[in-house]
Amino acid sequence: MINASIKFTAAQEKVSKLRDVLTMVLGPTQAMSGCISCRLYQEESDPNSWLLLEEWDSEEAMERHVKSSSYRNILEAMELASEVPEVKFTTGSKTEGFELIESIRGESK
């Protein structure tokens, strides 16, 4: 199983747009083959921060998701963030960050 988490923090004037973009991701992601769950949480202590949690049944399923055109919405949400998003992909004892997204999508930042 693969756990993916991304913490987003936005400036006050972009929080609504960030929420809208992240909410659009939920349904299509949950419908993807291999998605166990996809949830979005707003932090109680900081209403400008959101946490997107995904669980995938395999590395292949997670990679299909990251390569998908709908993943652009998550990348757009990252652009709305006022701080560098905290990205974590965890498989067993192995944890990777944004570099995994770059590797899968064939991009470099």
PDB file of N, CA and C in Angstrom:
ATOM      1  N   MET A   1       0.851  -1.181   0.000  1.00  0.00           N
ATOM      2  CA  MET A   1       0.000   0.000   0.000  1.00  0.00           C
ATOM      3  C   MET A   1       0.893   1.239   0.000  1.00  0.00           C
ATOM      4  N   ILE A   2       0.453   2.262  -0.698  1.00  0.00           N
ATOM      5  CA  ILE A   2       1.148   3.543  -0.786  1.00  0.00           C
ATOM      6  C   ILE A   2       0.274   4.602  -0.120  1.00  0.00           C
ATOM      7  N   ASN A   3       0.859   5.364   0.797  1.00  0.00           N
ATOM      8  CA  ASN A   3       0.176   6.503   1.403  1.00  0.00           C
ATOM      9  C   ASN A   3       0.802   7.767   0.839  1.00  0.00           C
ATOM     10  N   ALA A   4      -0.045   8.665   0.391  1.00  0.00           N
ATOM     11  CA  ALA A   4       0.418   9.947  -0.131  1.00  0.00           C
ATOM     12  C   ALA A   4      -0.229  11.056   0.690  1.00  0.00           C
ATOM     13  N   SER A   5       0.574  12.022   1.095  1.00  0.00           N
ATOM     14  CA  SER A   5       0.019  13.171   1.820  1.00  0.00           C
ATOM     15  C   SER A   5       0.662  14.443   1.298  1.00  0.00           C
ATOM     16  N   ILE A   6      -0.158  15.466   1.166  1.00  0.00           N
ATOM     17  CA  ILE A   6       0.334  16.779   0.765  1.00  0.00           C
ATOM     18  C   ILE A   6      -0.331  17.811   1.663  1.00  0.00           C
ATOM     19  N   LYS A   7       0.497  18.583   2.350  1.00  0.00           N
ATOM     20  CA  LYS A   7      -0.009  19.672   3.186  1.00  0.00           C
ATOM     21  C   LYS A   7       0.174  20.973   2.419  1.00  0.00           C
ATOM     22  N   PHE A   8      -0.925  21.691   2.264  1.00  0.00           N
ATOM     23  CA  PHE A   8      -0.949  22.966   1.546  1.00  0.00           C
ATOM     24  C   PHE A   8      -1.252  24.079   2.538  1.00  0.00           C
ATOM     25  N   THR A   9      -0.544  25.192   2.434  1.00  0.00           N
ATOM     26  CA  THR A   9      -0.879  26.385   3.205  1.00  0.00           C
ATOM     27  C   THR A   9      -0.978  27.538   2.216  1.00  0.00           C
ATOM     28  N   ALA A  10      -2.087  28.264   2.268  1.00  0.00           N
ATOM     29  CA  ALA A  10      -2.325  29.361   1.328  1.00  0.00           C
ATOM     30  C   ALA A  10      -2.477  30.672   2.076  1.00  0.00           C
ATOM     31  N   ALA A  11      -2.196  31.751   1.375  1.00  0.00           N
ATOM     32  CA  ALA A  11      -2.483  33.075   1.915  1.00  0.00           C
ATOM     33  C   ALA A  11      -3.998  33.211   2.035  1.00  0.00           C
ATOM     34  N   GLN A  12      -4.457  34.020   2.957  1.00  0.00           N
ATOM     35  CA  GLN A  12      -5.891  34.178   3.236  1.00  0.00           C
ATOM     36  C   GLN A  12      -6.713  34.399   1.972  1.00  0.00           C
ATOM     37  N   GLU A  13      -6.208  35.219   1.059  1.00  0.00           N
ATOM     38  CA  GLU A  13      -6.987  35.538  -0.143  1.00  0.00           C
ATOM     39  C   GLU A  13      -7.052  34.382  -1.148  1.00  0.00           C
ATOM     40  N   LYS A  14      -6.255  33.332  -0.953  1.00  0.00           N
ATOM     41  CA  LYS A  14      -6.267  32.194  -1.873  1.00  0.00           C
ATOM     42  C   LYS A  14      -6.857  30.924  -1.255  1.00  0.00           C
ATOM     43  N   VAL A  15      -7.271  30.979  -0.004  1.00  0.00           N
ATOM     44  CA  VAL A  15      -7.780  29.793   0.683  1.00  0.00           C
ATOM     45  C   VAL A  15      -9.017  29.231  -0.010  1.00  0.00           C
ATOM     46  N   SER A  16      -9.934  30.083  -0.408  1.00  0.00           N
ATOM     47  CA  SER A  16     -11.167  29.636  -1.057  1.00  0.00           C
ATOM     48  C   SER A  16     -10.856  28.924  -2.372  1.00  0.00           C
ATOM     49  N   LYS A  17      -9.979  29.496  -3.170  1.00  0.00           N
ATOM     50  CA  LYS A  17      -9.596  28.887  -4.456  1.00  0.00           C
ATOM     51  C   LYS A  17      -8.880  27.563  -4.211  1.00  0.00           C
ATOM     52  N   LEU A  18      -7.994  27.513  -3.222  1.00  0.00           N
ATOM     53  CA  LEU A  18      -7.287  26.270  -2.888  1.00  0.00           C
ATOM     54  C   LEU A  18      -8.280  25.183  -2.500  1.00  0.00           C
ATOM     55  N   ARG A  19      -9.232  25.532  -1.634  1.00  0.00           N
ATOM     56  CA  ARG A  19     -10.260  24.570  -1.216  1.00  0.00           C
ATOM     57  C   ARG A  19     -11.047  24.053  -2.414  1.00  0.00           C
ATOM     58  N   ASP A  20     -11.438  24.957  -3.311  1.00  0.00           N
ATOM     59  CA  ASP A  20     -12.215  24.560  -4.489  1.00  0.00           C
ATOM     60  C   ASP A  20     -11.431  23.606  -5.384  1.00  0.00           C
ATOM     61  N   VAL A  21     -10.165  23.910  -5.623  1.00  0.00           N
ATOM     62  CA  VAL A  21      -9.339  23.059  -6.479  1.00  0.00           C
ATOM     63  C   VAL A  21      -9.160  21.687  -5.843  1.00  0.00           C
ATOM     64  N   LEU A  22      -8.871  21.651  -4.550  1.00  0.00           N
ATOM     65  CA  LEU A  22      -8.660  20.365  -3.877  1.00  0.00           C
ATOM     66  C   LEU A  22      -9.948  19.551  -3.794  1.00  0.00           C
ATOM     67  N   THR A  23     -11.069  20.202  -3.606  1.00  0.00           N
ATOM     68  CA  THR A  23     -12.349  19.502  -3.552  1.00  0.00           C
ATOM     69  C   THR A  23     -12.661  18.847  -4.900  1.00  0.00           C
ATOM     70  N   MET A  24     -12.284  19.515  -6.001  1.00  0.00           N
ATOM     71  CA  MET A  24     -12.504  18.951  -7.341  1.00  0.00           C
ATOM     72  C   MET A  24     -11.719  17.651  -7.550  1.00  0.00           C
ATOM     73  N   VAL A  25     -10.642  17.474  -6.819  1.00  0.00           N
ATOM     74  CA  VAL A  25      -9.775  16.305  -6.973  1.00  0.00           C
ATOM     75  C   VAL A  25     -10.395  15.049  -6.358  1.00  0.00           C
ATOM     76  N   LEU A  26     -11.184  15.213  -5.323  1.00  0.00           N
ATOM     77  CA  LEU A  26     -11.639  14.076  -4.524  1.00  0.00           C
ATOM     78  C   LEU A  26     -12.394  13.014  -5.324  1.00  0.00           C
ATOM     79  N   GLY A  27     -13.489  13.378  -5.961  1.00  0.00           N
ATOM     80  CA  GLY A  27     -14.320  12.413  -6.675  1.00  0.00           C
ATOM     81  C   GLY A  27     -13.568  11.657  -7.761  1.00  0.00           C
ATOM     82  N   PRO A  28     -12.902  12.368  -8.681  1.00  0.00           N
ATOM     83  CA  PRO A  28     -12.167  11.665  -9.732  1.00  0.00           C
ATOM     84  C   PRO A  28     -11.063  10.758  -9.183  1.00  0.00           C
ATOM     85  N   THR A  29     -10.408  11.180  -8.127  1.00  0.00           N
ATOM     86  CA  THR A  29      -9.350  10.352  -7.547  1.00  0.00           C
ATOM     87  C   THR A  29      -9.947   9.102  -6.918  1.00  0.00           C
ATOM     88  N   GLN A  30     -11.029   9.261  -6.158  1.00  0.00           N
ATOM     89  CA  GLN A  30     -11.671   8.115  -5.514  1.00  0.00           C
ATOM     90  C   GLN A  30     -12.179   7.102  -6.540  1.00  0.00           C
ATOM     91  N   ALA A  31     -12.523   7.569  -7.727  1.00  0.00           N
ATOM     92  CA  ALA A  31     -13.053   6.686  -8.767  1.00  0.00           C
ATOM     93  C   ALA A  31     -11.963   5.924  -9.524  1.00  0.00           C
ATOM     94  N   MET A  32     -10.714   6.309  -9.325  1.00  0.00           N
ATOM     95  CA  MET A  32      -9.620   5.661 -10.048  1.00  0.00           C
ATOM     96  C   MET A  32      -9.375   4.249  -9.529  1.00  0.00           C
ATOM     97  N   SER A  33      -9.053   3.369 -10.452  1.00  0.00           N
ATOM     98  CA  SER A  33      -8.699   1.998 -10.102  1.00  0.00           C
ATOM     99  C   SER A  33      -7.477   2.009  -9.190  1.00  0.00           C
ATOM    100  N   GLY A  34      -7.572   1.304  -8.083  1.00  0.00           N
ATOM    101  CA  GLY A  34      -6.460   1.215  -7.151  1.00  0.00           C
ATOM    102  C   GLY A  34      -6.509   2.207  -6.009  1.00  0.00           C
ATOM    103  N   CYS A  35      -7.446   3.170  -6.064  1.00  0.00           N
ATOM    104  CA  CYS A  35      -7.569   4.137  -4.967  1.00  0.00           C
ATOM    105  C   CYS A  35      -8.353   3.496  -3.824  1.00  0.00           C
ATOM    106  N   ILE A  36      -7.725   3.425  -2.670  1.00  0.00           N
ATOM    107  CA  ILE A  36      -8.396   2.918  -1.480  1.00  0.00           C
ATOM    108  C   ILE A  36      -9.180   4.040  -0.823  1.00  0.00           C
ATOM    109  N   SER A  37      -8.557   5.215  -0.728  1.00  0.00           N
ATOM    110  CA  SER A  37      -9.259   6.380  -0.177  1.00  0.00           C
ATOM    111  C   SER A  37      -8.561   7.663  -0.587  1.00  0.00           C
ATOM    112  N   CYS A  38      -9.333   8.742  -0.570  1.00  0.00           N
ATOM    113  CA  CYS A  38      -8.824  10.088  -0.845  1.00  0.00           C
ATOM    114  C   CYS A  38      -9.636  11.031   0.029  1.00  0.00           C
ATOM    115  N   ARG A  39      -8.962  11.710   0.950  1.00  0.00           N
ATOM    116  CA  ARG A  39      -9.652  12.576   1.906  1.00  0.00           C
ATOM    117  C   ARG A  39      -8.963  13.932   1.992  1.00  0.00           C
ATOM    118  N   LEU A  40      -9.747  14.946   2.317  1.00  0.00           N
ATOM    119  CA  LEU A  40      -9.239  16.305   2.460  1.00  0.00           C
ATOM    120  C   LEU A  40      -9.629  16.831   3.828  1.00  0.00           C
ATOM    121  N   TYR A  41      -8.653  17.397   4.537  1.00  0.00           N
ATOM    122  CA  TYR A  41      -8.888  17.936   5.875  1.00  0.00           C
ATOM    123  C   TYR A  41      -8.389  19.373   5.949  1.00  0.00           C
ATOM    124  N   GLN A  42      -9.169  20.214   6.619  1.00  0.00           N
ATOM    125  CA  GLN A  42      -8.724  21.561   6.929  1.00  0.00           C
ATOM    126  C   GLN A  42      -8.206  21.537   8.361  1.00  0.00           C
ATOM    127  N   GLU A  43      -7.043  22.112   8.590  1.00  0.00           N
ATOM    128  CA  GLU A  43      -6.469  22.089   9.928  1.00  0.00           C
ATOM    129  C   GLU A  43      -7.228  23.026  10.858  1.00  0.00           C
ATOM    130  N   GLU A  44      -7.576  22.519  12.030  1.00  0.00           N
ATOM    131  CA  GLU A  44      -8.290  23.335  13.017  1.00  0.00           C
ATOM    132  C   GLU A  44      -7.451  24.500  13.503  1.00  0.00           C
ATOM    133  N   SER A  45      -6.172  24.248  13.731  1.00  0.00           N
ATOM    134  CA  SER A  45      -5.299  25.283  14.300  1.00  0.00           C
ATOM    135  C   SER A  45      -4.870  26.326  13.272  1.00  0.00           C
ATOM    136  N   ASP A  46      -5.032  26.010  11.979  1.00  0.00           N
ATOM    137  CA  ASP A  46      -4.647  26.953  10.925  1.00  0.00           C
ATOM    138  C   ASP A  46      -5.611  26.787   9.749  1.00  0.00           C
ATOM    139  N   PRO A  47      -6.677  27.587   9.690  1.00  0.00           N
ATOM    140  CA  PRO A  47      -7.678  27.433   8.627  1.00  0.00           C
ATOM    141  C   PRO A  47      -7.151  27.713   7.220  1.00  0.00           C
ATOM    142  N   ASN A  48      -5.923  28.195   7.108  1.00  0.00           N
ATOM    143  CA  ASN A  48      -5.315  28.415   5.795  1.00  0.00           C
ATOM    144  C   ASN A  48      -4.584  27.163   5.298  1.00  0.00           C
ATOM    145  N   SER A  49      -4.568  26.100   6.126  1.00  0.00           N
ATOM    146  CA  SER A  49      -3.839  24.882   5.782  1.00  0.00           C
ATOM    147  C   SER A  49      -4.790  23.711   5.544  1.00  0.00           C
ATOM    148  N   TRP A  50      -4.462  22.931   4.535  1.00  0.00           N
ATOM    149  CA  TRP A  50      -5.259  21.773   4.131  1.00  0.00           C
ATOM    150  C   TRP A  50      -4.341  20.578   3.971  1.00  0.00           C
ATOM    151  N   LEU A  51      -4.866  19.392   4.260  1.00  0.00           N
ATOM    152  CA  LEU A  51      -4.110  18.157   4.123  1.00  0.00           C
ATOM    153  C   LEU A  51      -4.879  17.210   3.211  1.00  0.00           C
ATOM    154  N   LEU A  52      -4.253  16.809   2.120  1.00  0.00           N
ATOM    155  CA  LEU A  52      -4.825  15.841   1.192  1.00  0.00           C
ATOM    156  C   LEU A  52      -4.155  14.501   1.473  1.00  0.00           C
ATOM    157  N   LEU A  53      -4.963  13.496   1.820  1.00  0.00           N
ATOM    158  CA  LEU A  53      -4.459  12.152   2.114  1.00  0.00           C
ATOM    159  C   LEU A  53      -5.019  11.163   1.106  1.00  0.00           C
ATOM    160  N   GLU A  54      -4.142  10.379   0.515  1.00  0.00           N
ATOM    161  CA  GLU A  54      -4.549   9.354  -0.440  1.00  0.00           C
ATOM    162  C   GLU A  54      -3.924   8.018  -0.028  1.00  0.00           C
ATOM    163  N   GLU A  55      -4.666   6.945  -0.270  1.00  0.00           N
ATOM    164  CA  GLU A  55      -4.145   5.594  -0.069  1.00  0.00           C
ATOM    165  C   GLU A  55      -4.351   4.828  -1.372  1.00  0.00           C
ATOM    166  N   TRP A  56      -3.301   4.150  -1.809  1.00  0.00           N
ATOM    167  CA  TRP A  56      -3.311   3.405  -3.064  1.00  0.00           C
ATOM    168  C   TRP A  56      -2.941   1.959  -2.802  1.00  0.00           C
ATOM    169  N   ASP A  57      -3.557   1.046  -3.549  1.00  0.00           N
ATOM    170  CA  ASP A  57      -3.286  -0.373  -3.318  1.00  0.00           C
ATOM    171  C   ASP A  57      -1.971  -0.840  -3.924  1.00  0.00           C
ATOM    172  N   SER A  58      -1.384  -0.040  -4.824  1.00  0.00           N
ATOM    173  CA  SER A  58      -0.114  -0.425  -5.432  1.00  0.00           C
ATOM    174  C   SER A  58       0.632   0.813  -5.924  1.00  0.00           C
ATOM    175  N   GLU A  59       1.919   0.617  -6.138  1.00  0.00           N
ATOM    176  CA  GLU A  59       2.739   1.695  -6.685  1.00  0.00           C
ATOM    177  C   GLU A  59       2.276   2.041  -8.100  1.00  0.00           C
ATOM    178  N   GLU A  60       1.882   1.038  -8.863  1.00  0.00           N
ATOM    179  CA  GLU A  60       1.424   1.254 -10.234  1.00  0.00           C
ATOM    180  C   GLU A  60       0.165   2.128 -10.270  1.00  0.00           C
ATOM    181  N   ALA A  61      -0.769   1.876  -9.364  1.00  0.00           N
ATOM    182  CA  ALA A  61      -1.994   2.676  -9.306  1.00  0.00           C
ATOM    183  C   ALA A  61      -1.685   4.123  -8.956  1.00  0.00           C
ATOM    184  N   MET A  62      -0.799   4.320  -7.979  1.00  0.00           N
ATOM    185  CA  MET A  62      -0.417   5.684  -7.581  1.00  0.00           C
ATOM    186  C   MET A  62       0.279   6.395  -8.741  1.00  0.00           C
ATOM    187  N   GLU A  63       1.142   5.691  -9.457  1.00  0.00           N
ATOM    188  CA  GLU A  63       1.845   6.302 -10.587  1.00  0.00           C
ATOM    189  C   GLU A  63       0.874   6.682 -11.705  1.00  0.00           C
ATOM    190  N   ARG A  64      -0.128   5.835 -11.973  1.00  0.00           N
ATOM    191  CA  ARG A  64      -1.151   6.187 -12.982  1.00  0.00           C
ATOM    192  C   ARG A  64      -1.844   7.484 -12.581  1.00  0.00           C
ATOM    193  N   HIS A  65      -2.142   7.615 -11.312  1.00  0.00           N
ATOM    194  CA  HIS A  65      -2.793   8.827 -10.804  1.00  0.00           C
ATOM    195  C   HIS A  65      -1.904  10.054 -11.019  1.00  0.00           C
ATOM    196  N   VAL A  66      -0.639   9.946 -10.628  1.00  0.00           N
ATOM    197  CA  VAL A  66       0.282  11.085 -10.754  1.00  0.00           C
ATOM    198  C   VAL A  66       0.489  11.459 -12.219  1.00  0.00           C
ATOM    199  N   LYS A  67       0.442  10.492 -13.114  1.00  0.00           N
ATOM    200  CA  LYS A  67       0.607  10.763 -14.549  1.00  0.00           C
ATOM    201  C   LYS A  67      -0.670  11.288 -15.201  1.00  0.00           C
ATOM    202  N   SER A  68      -1.806  11.134 -14.528  1.00  0.00           N
ATOM    203  CA  SER A  68      -3.097  11.478 -15.132  1.00  0.00           C
ATOM    204  C   SER A  68      -3.250  12.983 -15.349  1.00  0.00           C
ATOM    205  N   SER A  69      -4.108  13.319 -16.288  1.00  0.00           N
ATOM    206  CA  SER A  69      -4.372  14.730 -16.557  1.00  0.00           C
ATOM    207  C   SER A  69      -5.061  15.394 -15.360  1.00  0.00           C
ATOM    208  N   SER A  70      -5.835  14.627 -14.597  1.00  0.00           N
ATOM    209  CA  SER A  70      -6.513  15.221 -13.439  1.00  0.00           C
ATOM    210  C   SER A  70      -5.535  15.601 -12.322  1.00  0.00           C
ATOM    211  N   TYR A  71      -4.334  15.029 -12.349  1.00  0.00           N
ATOM    212  CA  TYR A  71      -3.342  15.385 -11.320  1.00  0.00           C
ATOM    213  C   TYR A  71      -2.888  16.835 -11.477  1.00  0.00           C
ATOM    214  N   ARG A  72      -3.140  17.409 -12.639  1.00  0.00           N
ATOM    215  CA  ARG A  72      -2.799  18.828 -12.844  1.00  0.00           C
ATOM    216  C   ARG A  72      -3.499  19.722 -11.821  1.00  0.00           C
ATOM    217  N   ASN A  73      -4.683  19.309 -11.357  1.00  0.00           N
ATOM    218  CA  ASN A  73      -5.379  20.085 -10.330  1.00  0.00           C
ATOM    219  C   ASN A  73      -4.575  20.121  -9.037  1.00  0.00           C
ATOM    220  N   ILE A  74      -3.941  19.025  -8.689  1.00  0.00           N
ATOM    221  CA  ILE A  74      -3.108  19.005  -7.480  1.00  0.00           C
ATOM    222  C   ILE A  74      -1.887  19.895  -7.688  1.00  0.00           C
ATOM    223  N   LEU A  75      -1.303  19.839  -8.876  1.00  0.00           N
ATOM    224  CA  LEU A  75      -0.162  20.719  -9.165  1.00  0.00           C
ATOM    225  C   LEU A  75      -0.593  22.184  -9.140  1.00  0.00           C
ATOM    226  N   GLU A  76      -1.808  22.468  -9.623  1.00  0.00           N
ATOM    227  CA  GLU A  76      -2.339  23.837  -9.567  1.00  0.00           C
ATOM    228  C   GLU A  76      -2.500  24.282  -8.110  1.00  0.00           C
ATOM    229  N   ALA A  77      -2.982  23.376  -7.268  1.00  0.00           N
ATOM    230  CA  ALA A  77      -3.126  23.693  -5.845  1.00  0.00           C
ATOM    231  C   ALA A  77      -1.769  24.014  -5.227  1.00  0.00           C
ATOM    232  N   MET A  78      -0.739  23.297  -5.653  1.00  0.00           N
ATOM    233  CA  MET A  78       0.607  23.575  -5.145  1.00  0.00           C
ATOM    234  C   MET A  78       1.054  24.985  -5.515  1.00  0.00           C
ATOM    235  N   GLU A  79       0.658  25.435  -6.710  1.00  0.00           N
ATOM    236  CA  GLU A  79       0.996  26.787  -7.161  1.00  0.00           C
ATOM    237  C   GLU A  79       0.275  27.852  -6.334  1.00  0.00           C
ATOM    238  N   LEU A  80      -0.886  27.519  -5.788  1.00  0.00           N
ATOM    239  CA  LEU A  80      -1.650  28.466  -4.969  1.00  0.00           C
ATOM    240  C   LEU A  80      -1.085  28.595  -3.555  1.00  0.00           C
ATOM    241  N   ALA A  81      -0.269  27.646  -3.160  1.00  0.00           N
ATOM    242  CA  ALA A  81       0.257  27.623  -1.793  1.00  0.00           C
ATOM    243  C   ALA A  81       1.211  28.785  -1.551  1.00  0.00           C
ATOM    244  N   SER A  82       1.141  29.334  -0.340  1.00  0.00           N
ATOM    245  CA  SER A  82       2.039  30.429   0.028  1.00  0.00           C
ATOM    246  C   SER A  82       3.352  29.902   0.595  1.00  0.00           C
ATOM    247  N   GLU A  83       3.385  28.622   0.937  1.00  0.00           N
ATOM    248  CA  GLU A  83       4.591  27.954   1.414  1.00  0.00           C
ATOM    249  C   GLU A  83       4.794  26.712   0.563  1.00  0.00           C
ATOM    250  N   VAL A  84       6.009  26.235   0.521  1.00  0.00           N
ATOM    251  CA  VAL A  84       6.278  25.007  -0.224  1.00  0.00           C
ATOM    252  C   VAL A  84       5.458  23.875   0.399  1.00  0.00           C
ATOM    253  N   PRO A  85       4.612  23.205  -0.385  1.00  0.00           N
ATOM    254  CA  PRO A  85       3.801  22.115   0.164  1.00  0.00           C
ATOM    255  C   PRO A  85       4.685  20.982   0.701  1.00  0.00           C
ATOM    256  N   GLU A  86       4.209  20.340   1.758  1.00  0.00           N
ATOM    257  CA  GLU A  86       4.899  19.187   2.329  1.00  0.00           C
ATOM    258  C   GLU A  86       4.348  17.942   1.647  1.00  0.00           C
ATOM    259  N   VAL A  87       5.173  17.293   0.833  1.00  0.00           N
ATOM    260  CA  VAL A  87       4.764  16.140   0.036  1.00  0.00           C
ATOM    261  C   VAL A  87       5.442  14.885   0.576  1.00  0.00           C
ATOM    262  N   LYS A  88       4.649  13.844   0.834  1.00  0.00           N
ATOM    263  CA  LYS A  88       5.207  12.579   1.316  1.00  0.00           C
ATOM    264  C   LYS A  88       4.492  11.407   0.646  1.00  0.00           C
ATOM    265  N   PHE A  89       5.283  10.504   0.101  1.00  0.00           N
ATOM    266  CA  PHE A  89       4.807   9.231  -0.414  1.00  0.00           C
ATOM    267  C   PHE A  89       5.479   8.164   0.430  1.00  0.00           C
ATOM    268  N   THR A  90       4.694   7.351   1.116  1.00  0.00           N
ATOM    269  CA  THR A  90       5.253   6.358   2.028  1.00  0.00           C
ATOM    270  C   THR A  90       4.834   4.954   1.611  1.00  0.00           C
ATOM    271  N   THR A  91       5.849   4.097   1.479  1.00  0.00           N
ATOM    272  CA  THR A  91       5.652   2.675   1.202  1.00  0.00           C
ATOM    273  C   THR A  91       6.482   1.924   2.236  1.00  0.00           C
ATOM    274  N   GLY A  92       5.827   1.282   3.164  1.00  0.00           N
ATOM    275  CA  GLY A  92       6.583   0.586   4.210  1.00  0.00           C
ATOM    276  C   GLY A  92       7.481   1.550   4.939  1.00  0.00           C
ATOM    277  N   SER A  93       8.794   1.319   4.905  1.00  0.00           N
ATOM    278  CA  SER A  93       9.736   2.184   5.615  1.00  0.00           C
ATOM    279  C   SER A  93      10.340   3.245   4.700  1.00  0.00           C
ATOM    280  N   LYS A  94       9.937   3.285   3.439  1.00  0.00           N
ATOM    281  CA  LYS A  94      10.491   4.231   2.461  1.00  0.00           C
ATOM    282  C   LYS A  94       9.572   5.435   2.303  1.00  0.00           C
ATOM    283  N   THR A  95      10.143   6.643   2.421  1.00  0.00           N
ATOM    284  CA  THR A  95       9.383   7.878   2.230  1.00  0.00           C
ATOM    285  C   THR A  95      10.091   8.744   1.197  1.00  0.00           C
ATOM    286  N   GLU A  96       9.316   9.241   0.241  1.00  0.00           N
ATOM    287  CA  GLU A  96       9.841  10.148  -0.773  1.00  0.00           C
ATOM    288  C   GLU A  96       8.988  11.397  -0.804  1.00  0.00           C
ATOM    289  N   GLY A  97       9.498  12.451  -1.436  1.00  0.00           N
ATOM    290  CA  GLY A  97       8.796  13.721  -1.490  1.00  0.00           C
ATOM    291  C   GLY A  97       8.460  14.135  -2.914  1.00  0.00           C
ATOM    292  N   PHE A  98       8.514  15.444  -3.152  1.00  0.00           N
ATOM    293  CA  PHE A  98       8.118  16.003  -4.448  1.00  0.00           C
ATOM    294  C   PHE A  98       8.938  15.437  -5.599  1.00  0.00           C
ATOM    295  N   GLU A  99      10.160  15.041  -5.320  1.00  0.00           N
ATOM    296  CA  GLU A  99      11.009  14.495  -6.381  1.00  0.00           C
ATOM    297  C   GLU A  99      10.380  13.264  -7.032  1.00  0.00           C
ATOM    298  N   LEU A 100       9.548  12.537  -6.295  1.00  0.00           N
ATOM    299  CA  LEU A 100       8.865  11.384  -6.880  1.00  0.00           C
ATOM    300  C   LEU A 100       7.850  11.841  -7.929  1.00  0.00           C
ATOM    301  N   ILE A 101       7.138  12.922  -7.656  1.00  0.00           N
ATOM    302  CA  ILE A 101       6.193  13.475  -8.641  1.00  0.00           C
ATOM    303  C   ILE A 101       6.950  13.878  -9.902  1.00  0.00           C
ATOM    304  N   GLU A 102       8.067  14.570  -9.725  1.00  0.00           N
ATOM    305  CA  GLU A 102       8.881  14.990 -10.872  1.00  0.00           C
ATOM    306  C   GLU A 102       9.361  13.788 -11.679  1.00  0.00           C
ATOM    307  N   SER A 103       9.805  12.763 -10.979  1.00  0.00           N
ATOM    308  CA  SER A 103      10.296  11.549 -11.647  1.00  0.00           C
ATOM    309  C   SER A 103       9.185  10.861 -12.436  1.00  0.00           C
ATOM    310  N   ILE A 104       8.022  10.710 -11.824  1.00  0.00           N
ATOM    311  CA  ILE A 104       6.893  10.033 -12.473  1.00  0.00           C
ATOM    312  C   ILE A 104       6.386  10.825 -13.667  1.00  0.00           C
ATOM    313  N   ARG A 105       6.273  12.137 -13.503  1.00  0.00           N
ATOM    314  CA  ARG A 105       5.731  12.967 -14.584  1.00  0.00           C
ATOM    315  C   ARG A 105       6.798  13.359 -15.606  1.00  0.00           C
ATOM    316  N   GLY A 106       8.055  13.031 -15.318  1.00  0.00           N
ATOM    317  CA  GLY A 106       9.128  13.349 -16.254  1.00  0.00           C
ATOM    318  C   GLY A 106       9.436  14.836 -16.316  1.00  0.00           C
ATOM    319  N   GLU A 107       9.279  15.512 -15.173  1.00  0.00           N
ATOM    320  CA  GLU A 107       9.486  16.961 -15.106  1.00  0.00           C
ATOM    321  C   GLU A 107      10.673  17.251 -14.204  1.00  0.00           C
ATOM    322  N   SER A 108      11.205  18.436 -14.350  1.00  0.00           N
ATOM    323  CA  SER A 108      12.207  18.901 -13.382  1.00  0.00           C
ATOM    324  C   SER A 108      11.874  20.330 -13.035  1.00  0.00           C
ATOM    325  N   LYS A 109      12.047  20.646 -11.771  1.00  0.00           N
ATOM    326  CA  LYS A 109      11.728  21.991 -11.300  1.00  0.00           C
ATOM    327  C   LYS A 109      13.003  22.699 -10.927  1.00  0.00           C
TER     328      LYS A 109
END
